[in-house]
Amino acid sequence: MADAAAVRAGGDAGPDGLLVVDKPAGWTSHDVVGRVRRLAGTRKVGHAGTLDPMATGVLVLGVGRGTRLLTFLVGCDKSYDATIRLGQATVTDDSEGEVTASAPVAELTPEIVSAAVARLRGRTEQVPSAVSAIKVDGRRSYARVRDGEAVVLAARPITVSRFDIHDQRVAGEVAYDVDVTVDVSSGTYVRALARDLGESLGVGGHLTALRRTRVGGYGLDQAIDLASASQAYDDARSRLGVDRLARGDLPALPLLDLATAARAAFPVHELTEAEARALGYGQRVESALTGESVVAGIGPDGRLVAVLDESRPVARSHVVLAPAGT
C-alpha cells in the first residue's frame, strides 16, 4: 500500500501549521519529527528545540510553512516539572549517565534545600551540561564526552523566574529526592540546575525525571498523544485502499493554523488591508509596536501575513507568509 507521503507527492502541497506533541520517554526529537512526517504526508517538518530522550512533554513542531515560524520560537521561555536526586553526581547530569560521585544526605533538611534552591532563582550564569548539543570546534559536546574527552563549556546568562519545590524526601543513604517546577529562559539546562543544586549542597545532584509542560504560549493542554495519532493513522490505512488514500481520507493532524499559532507566541500587529497588501509585495509599513523585534502581522482576513521586526519606527519583514497574489 502506498504511503501518504508518496501519494501526496503527486501534487498535494500538504498541511501548514504548528503541531504540539507530548513527546514519549525514550524518543529523540528526531524520532518525533520522523513520525510526524509520515502522519502529515510531508517531509517539511521540523522542531523548535530538542528534548532529551529521557524527557517527556511539550515538543513544538512546524509542518509545511509552519517550519518558517520555528526560528522565532526557539527563544521562548519554558516550564518543566522535574525530580532532582541529591547525593549522586553523574557524567550526564541525569539518571542515564554513570554515577561519578556519591555523598551521604543525612544532614539535608527541607530548610537547607529550600535555601539552596532560592539562591538559584533569578538572573545568573550557567555552565551547560557537557553532554549538550552545543558544538565545540565543529563537533557536538555530547559526542566529545562519549569519546572520553573532558569538556567544559563556557557559562552563559540565564533566567530562572520560578523554582518551586513541591515535595522533598529521603530515598536512601545517598539519595534525597526533590520534586520541583521551574520556569526558565531559553538556553537553560534543567540538568545543569540539578547539578548546580547538588554542588552547592556539597552532595552532588542529577535529574531522575523531566517533563516539559510549556514552550512559550503552547502547553500540554494543546499537545497530542503521538501513540494515539499513529494508531488512528495505521487503522485508517488498513481500512482504505490507495484510491481512497489519494483523496485525503487519512486522519488530519490537529494543527494550529499559522495565525492561531502566531497569536499564541508573539505580540500582534493587526494590519489594515493596505498594510497587508504592502507587506505581501515586500514593502515596509509603520511599526505599531515599536521596540518589539518579533511581531505577528495578521491581516483583516485573519491570515498571518508576515513575522515583523518592529524594533524601529518602520517595520521590516523577517518572513512573509502570505505573498501578494496568494
Protein backbone atom coordinates (compact mmCIF):
# COMPACT_ATOMS: atom_id res chain seq x y z
CA MET A 1 0.00 0.00 0.00
CA ALA A 2 1.32 3.45 -0.88
CA ASP A 3 2.35 5.74 1.96
CA ALA A 4 0.56 9.08 2.43
CA ALA A 5 3.74 10.99 1.71
CA ALA A 6 4.21 9.19 -1.57
CA VAL A 7 0.60 9.78 -2.62
CA ARG A 8 0.71 13.46 -1.78
CA ALA A 9 3.99 13.90 -3.59
CA GLY A 10 1.98 13.84 -6.78
CA GLY A 11 0.71 17.37 -6.24
CA ASP A 12 -0.76 17.98 -2.79
CA ALA A 13 1.42 20.56 -1.09
CA GLY A 14 0.41 19.16 2.30
CA PRO A 15 -0.72 20.89 5.50
CA ASP A 16 0.67 24.05 7.11
CA GLY A 17 0.79 24.92 10.79
CA LEU A 18 2.23 24.02 14.16
CA LEU A 19 1.74 20.75 15.98
CA VAL A 20 2.23 20.42 19.74
CA VAL A 21 3.25 16.88 20.68
CA ASP A 22 3.53 15.25 24.09
CA LYS A 23 6.85 13.52 23.46
CA PRO A 24 7.06 10.00 24.90
CA ALA A 25 10.01 8.90 27.02
CA GLY A 26 12.73 7.14 25.07
CA TRP A 27 12.08 9.02 21.84
CA THR A 28 14.54 11.51 20.42
CA SER A 29 13.17 14.74 18.98
CA HIS A 30 14.33 13.46 15.58
CA ASP A 31 12.22 10.32 16.11
CA VAL A 32 9.16 12.50 16.64
CA VAL A 33 9.89 14.55 13.52
CA GLY A 34 10.17 11.33 11.50
CA ARG A 35 6.85 10.02 12.77
CA VAL A 36 5.05 13.33 12.12
CA ARG A 37 6.46 13.44 8.58
CA ARG A 38 4.71 10.14 7.99
CA LEU A 39 1.45 11.21 9.62
CA ALA A 40 1.36 14.59 7.86
CA GLY A 41 2.44 13.20 4.49
CA THR A 42 5.24 15.71 4.02
CA ARG A 43 8.99 15.90 4.53
CA LYS A 44 8.69 19.52 5.57
CA VAL A 45 8.61 19.07 9.35
CA GLY A 46 10.96 20.50 11.97
CA HIS A 47 11.00 21.19 15.71
CA ALA A 48 11.56 24.25 17.87
CA GLY A 49 14.14 22.93 20.32
CA THR A 50 15.07 19.41 21.36
CA LEU A 51 14.03 17.33 24.34
CA ASP A 52 16.36 14.67 25.72
CA PRO A 53 15.22 11.07 25.13
CA MET A 54 14.54 10.58 28.87
CA ALA A 55 12.30 13.66 28.97
CA THR A 56 8.62 13.83 28.11
CA GLY A 57 6.25 16.66 27.33
CA VAL A 58 5.80 19.59 25.02
CA LEU A 59 7.65 19.47 21.71
CA VAL A 60 6.56 22.10 19.18
CA LEU A 61 6.81 21.09 15.53
CA GLY A 62 6.34 23.11 12.37
CA VAL A 63 4.66 21.48 9.39
CA GLY A 64 4.83 22.92 5.88
CA ARG A 65 5.02 26.71 6.05
CA GLY A 66 4.86 26.37 9.83
CA THR A 67 8.55 25.49 9.76
CA ARG A 68 9.19 29.15 8.95
CA LEU A 69 8.00 30.10 12.44
CA LEU A 70 10.35 27.76 14.28
CA THR A 71 13.36 30.06 14.31
CA PHE A 72 11.29 32.61 16.26
CA LEU A 73 10.06 30.03 18.79
CA VAL A 74 13.45 28.69 19.81
CA GLY A 75 13.94 31.67 22.12
CA CYS A 76 10.67 31.20 24.04
CA ASP A 77 10.78 30.63 27.79
CA LYS A 78 9.83 27.16 29.03
CA SER A 79 8.32 25.37 32.03
CA TYR A 80 9.27 21.97 33.42
CA ASP A 81 8.31 19.56 36.18
CA ALA A 82 11.33 17.63 37.38
CA THR A 83 12.69 15.36 40.08
CA ILE A 84 16.21 16.10 41.31
CA ARG A 85 18.15 13.42 43.16
CA LEU A 86 20.67 14.85 45.60
CA GLY A 87 23.53 12.68 46.83
CA GLN A 88 24.80 11.45 43.47
CA ALA A 89 26.50 13.17 40.55
CA THR A 90 26.52 11.58 37.08
CA VAL A 91 28.51 12.16 33.92
CA THR A 92 25.36 13.28 32.06
CA ASP A 93 23.71 15.14 34.97
CA ASP A 94 20.74 12.79 34.61
CA SER A 95 19.91 9.20 35.52
CA GLU A 96 21.09 7.82 32.17
CA GLY A 97 24.73 8.56 32.93
CA GLU A 98 27.30 6.73 35.05
CA VAL A 99 27.48 7.83 38.68
CA THR A 100 30.73 9.70 39.20
CA ALA A 101 30.42 10.61 42.90
CA SER A 102 28.19 9.89 45.88
CA ALA A 103 27.78 11.58 49.25
CA PRO A 104 25.63 10.98 52.33
CA VAL A 105 22.50 13.13 52.59
CA ALA A 106 21.69 12.60 56.27
CA GLU A 107 22.32 16.26 57.09
CA LEU A 108 19.98 17.63 54.43
CA THR A 109 16.74 19.18 55.68
CA PRO A 110 13.85 20.85 53.83
CA GLU A 111 15.05 24.22 55.13
CA ILE A 112 18.62 23.70 53.88
CA VAL A 113 17.45 22.52 50.45
CA SER A 114 14.90 25.34 50.11
CA ALA A 115 17.57 27.93 50.89
CA ALA A 116 19.88 26.46 48.24
CA VAL A 117 17.08 26.46 45.66
CA ALA A 118 16.33 30.12 46.41
CA ARG A 119 19.93 31.03 45.52
CA LEU A 120 19.45 29.60 42.02
CA ARG A 121 16.46 31.79 41.18
CA GLY A 122 16.76 34.97 39.12
CA ARG A 123 19.32 36.07 36.58
CA THR A 124 22.57 34.19 36.73
CA GLU A 125 25.14 32.39 34.59
CA GLN A 126 25.07 28.68 33.94
CA VAL A 127 27.65 26.31 32.54
CA PRO A 128 25.69 24.00 30.20
CA SER A 129 25.82 20.26 30.71
CA ALA A 130 28.83 18.73 28.98
CA VAL A 131 26.52 16.30 27.16
CA SER A 132 24.55 19.10 25.49
CA ALA A 133 24.29 19.53 21.73
CA ILE A 134 26.44 22.66 21.79
CA LYS A 135 29.21 22.49 19.21
CA VAL A 136 32.86 22.69 20.24
CA ASP A 137 35.17 23.22 17.27
CA GLY A 138 32.55 21.82 14.94
CA ARG A 139 31.61 18.73 17.00
CA ARG A 140 28.71 18.27 19.39
CA SER A 141 29.79 18.41 23.01
CA TYR A 142 27.99 15.15 23.83
CA ALA A 143 29.95 13.38 21.07
CA ARG A 144 33.23 14.54 22.58
CA VAL A 145 32.15 13.33 26.04
CA ARG A 146 31.11 9.98 24.56
CA ASP A 147 34.62 9.67 23.09
CA GLY A 148 36.15 10.18 26.52
CA GLU A 149 37.10 13.85 26.23
CA ALA A 150 36.79 16.20 29.21
CA VAL A 151 34.61 19.07 28.03
CA VAL A 152 33.97 22.28 29.95
CA LEU A 153 31.63 24.71 28.21
CA ALA A 154 31.55 28.46 28.67
CA ALA A 155 28.97 29.90 31.06
CA ARG A 156 26.01 31.72 29.54
CA PRO A 157 23.41 34.06 31.04
CA ILE A 158 20.08 32.52 32.00
CA THR A 159 16.98 33.49 33.97
CA VAL A 160 15.21 31.16 36.38
CA SER A 161 11.98 33.01 37.06
CA ARG A 162 10.42 30.16 39.04
CA PHE A 163 12.00 27.34 41.03
CA ASP A 164 9.32 25.90 43.31
CA ILE A 165 9.64 22.81 45.50
CA HIS A 166 6.59 20.54 45.76
CA ASP A 167 8.00 17.66 47.78
CA GLN A 168 11.23 16.53 49.43
CA ARG A 169 12.01 13.06 50.74
CA VAL A 170 14.88 10.81 51.76
CA ALA A 171 15.17 7.99 49.22
CA GLY A 172 18.29 6.25 50.55
CA GLU A 173 21.60 6.82 52.28
CA VAL A 174 22.89 8.77 49.27
CA ALA A 175 19.55 9.74 47.74
CA TYR A 176 17.38 12.72 48.63
CA ASP A 177 14.68 13.46 46.05
CA VAL A 178 13.22 16.90 45.35
CA ASP A 179 10.18 17.43 43.12
CA VAL A 180 10.22 20.89 41.51
CA THR A 181 8.63 23.13 38.90
CA VAL A 182 10.82 25.61 37.05
CA ASP A 183 10.17 28.42 34.60
CA VAL A 184 13.35 29.25 32.70
CA SER A 185 14.67 31.29 29.82
CA SER A 186 15.68 29.71 26.54
CA GLY A 187 19.05 28.00 26.73
CA THR A 188 18.67 26.91 30.35
CA TYR A 189 19.55 23.29 31.08
CA VAL A 190 17.42 21.80 33.87
CA ARG A 191 20.02 19.02 34.17
CA ALA A 192 22.56 21.71 34.95
CA LEU A 193 20.25 23.19 37.60
CA ALA A 194 20.14 19.77 39.26
CA ARG A 195 23.92 19.53 39.06
CA ASP A 196 24.40 23.04 40.46
CA LEU A 197 21.96 22.47 43.31
CA GLY A 198 23.83 19.32 44.31
CA GLU A 199 27.19 21.04 44.08
CA SER A 200 26.01 23.96 46.20
CA LEU A 201 25.00 21.50 48.92
CA GLY A 202 28.22 19.53 48.61
CA VAL A 203 26.50 16.24 47.80
CA GLY A 204 26.15 16.20 44.02
CA GLY A 205 22.90 16.01 42.11
CA HIS A 206 21.25 14.85 38.90
CA LEU A 207 17.83 14.60 37.25
CA THR A 208 15.76 11.44 37.51
CA ALA A 209 12.64 12.77 35.75
CA LEU A 210 11.88 15.70 33.44
CA ARG A 211 8.61 16.75 31.84
CA ARG A 212 8.29 19.93 29.77
CA THR A 213 4.88 21.45 30.37
CA ARG A 214 5.12 24.64 28.30
CA VAL A 215 7.04 26.27 25.46
CA GLY A 216 6.10 29.94 25.21
CA GLY A 217 2.33 30.03 24.73
CA TYR A 218 1.99 26.31 23.96
CA GLY A 219 1.14 23.90 26.77
CA LEU A 220 0.29 20.28 27.44
CA ASP A 221 -3.42 21.08 27.06
CA GLN A 222 -2.75 21.54 23.32
CA ALA A 223 -0.47 18.52 22.93
CA ILE A 224 -1.42 15.36 21.08
CA ASP A 225 -0.57 11.83 22.17
CA LEU A 226 1.71 10.53 19.44
CA ALA A 227 0.85 6.88 20.01
CA SER A 228 -2.87 7.56 19.62
CA ALA A 229 -2.34 9.63 16.48
CA SER A 230 -0.14 6.90 15.00
CA GLN A 231 -2.70 4.21 15.80
CA ALA A 232 -5.51 6.22 14.18
CA TYR A 233 -3.34 6.65 11.08
CA ASP A 234 -2.49 2.94 10.89
CA ASP A 235 -6.11 1.93 11.45
CA ALA A 236 -7.27 4.23 8.65
CA ARG A 237 -4.62 2.92 6.24
CA SER A 238 -5.67 -0.65 6.95
CA ARG A 239 -9.26 0.21 6.00
CA LEU A 240 -8.52 2.30 2.92
CA GLY A 241 -7.06 1.39 -0.44
CA VAL A 242 -4.66 3.53 -2.45
CA ASP A 243 -7.54 5.25 -4.28
CA ARG A 244 -9.18 6.45 -1.07
CA LEU A 245 -5.77 7.35 0.32
CA ALA A 246 -5.17 9.66 -2.63
CA ARG A 247 -8.36 11.56 -1.81
CA GLY A 248 -7.04 12.56 1.58
CA ASP A 249 -9.17 10.26 3.74
CA LEU A 250 -6.46 9.76 6.36
CA PRO A 251 -6.99 11.37 9.79
CA ALA A 252 -5.99 15.03 9.83
CA LEU A 253 -3.49 16.14 12.44
CA PRO A 254 -4.81 18.84 14.82
CA LEU A 255 -2.50 21.55 13.52
CA LEU A 256 -2.66 25.09 14.84
CA ASP A 257 -3.11 27.31 11.80
CA LEU A 258 -0.37 29.88 11.24
CA ALA A 259 -2.34 32.84 12.63
CA THR A 260 -3.52 30.99 15.74
CA ALA A 261 -0.01 29.69 16.35
CA ALA A 262 1.49 33.17 15.96
CA ARG A 263 -1.08 34.79 18.27
CA ALA A 264 -0.12 32.31 21.00
CA ALA A 265 3.56 33.18 20.80
CA PHE A 266 4.05 36.77 19.63
CA PRO A 267 2.60 40.25 20.10
CA VAL A 268 0.22 41.07 17.25
CA HIS A 269 0.06 43.94 14.77
CA GLU A 270 -3.49 43.94 13.37
CA LEU A 271 -2.84 45.00 9.79
CA THR A 272 -5.06 47.15 7.62
CA GLU A 273 -5.86 45.93 4.13
CA ALA A 274 -3.34 48.41 2.72
CA GLU A 275 -0.62 47.26 5.14
CA ALA A 276 -1.27 43.60 4.38
CA ARG A 277 -1.05 44.28 0.64
CA ALA A 278 2.16 46.28 1.05
CA LEU A 279 3.83 43.54 3.09
CA GLY A 280 2.69 40.96 0.55
CA TYR A 281 4.60 42.91 -2.10
CA GLY A 282 7.71 43.04 0.09
CA GLN A 283 7.25 46.66 1.12
CA ARG A 284 7.62 48.11 4.61
CA VAL A 285 4.98 49.57 6.91
CA GLU A 286 5.00 51.72 10.01
CA SER A 287 5.56 49.87 13.27
CA ALA A 288 2.60 49.55 15.60
CA LEU A 289 4.60 48.02 18.46
CA THR A 290 7.86 49.94 18.28
CA GLY A 291 10.58 48.17 20.22
CA GLU A 292 9.34 44.62 19.60
CA SER A 293 11.69 42.52 17.48
CA VAL A 294 9.25 39.69 16.69
CA VAL A 295 5.65 40.64 15.87
CA ALA A 296 2.88 38.71 14.11
CA GLY A 297 1.39 40.79 11.31
CA ILE A 298 -2.16 39.49 10.86
CA GLY A 299 -4.38 40.76 8.07
CA PRO A 300 -8.09 41.70 8.15
CA ASP A 301 -8.93 38.27 6.72
CA GLY A 302 -7.32 36.58 9.74
CA ARG A 303 -4.29 35.25 7.86
CA LEU A 304 -0.74 35.54 9.13
CA VAL A 305 0.79 37.83 6.52
CA ALA A 306 4.30 38.20 7.94
CA VAL A 307 6.50 38.00 11.00
CA LEU A 308 7.75 41.54 11.53
CA ASP A 309 10.69 43.27 13.15
CA GLU A 310 9.21 46.40 14.75
CA SER A 311 12.26 47.33 16.79
CA ARG A 312 12.38 50.57 14.78
CA PRO A 313 9.67 53.02 13.69
CA VAL A 314 9.49 51.37 10.27
CA ALA A 315 8.75 47.64 10.37
CA ARG A 316 10.53 45.17 8.14
CA SER A 317 9.55 41.57 7.45
CA HIS A 318 11.54 38.71 8.92
CA VAL A 319 9.48 36.43 6.70
CA VAL A 320 6.37 36.87 4.53
CA LEU A 321 3.85 34.02 4.83
CA ALA A 322 1.18 35.44 2.51
CA PRO A 323 2.84 36.98 -0.56
CA ALA A 324 0.71 39.16 -2.83
CA GLY A 325 -1.46 37.07 -5.10
CA THR A 326 -1.82 34.09 -2.75
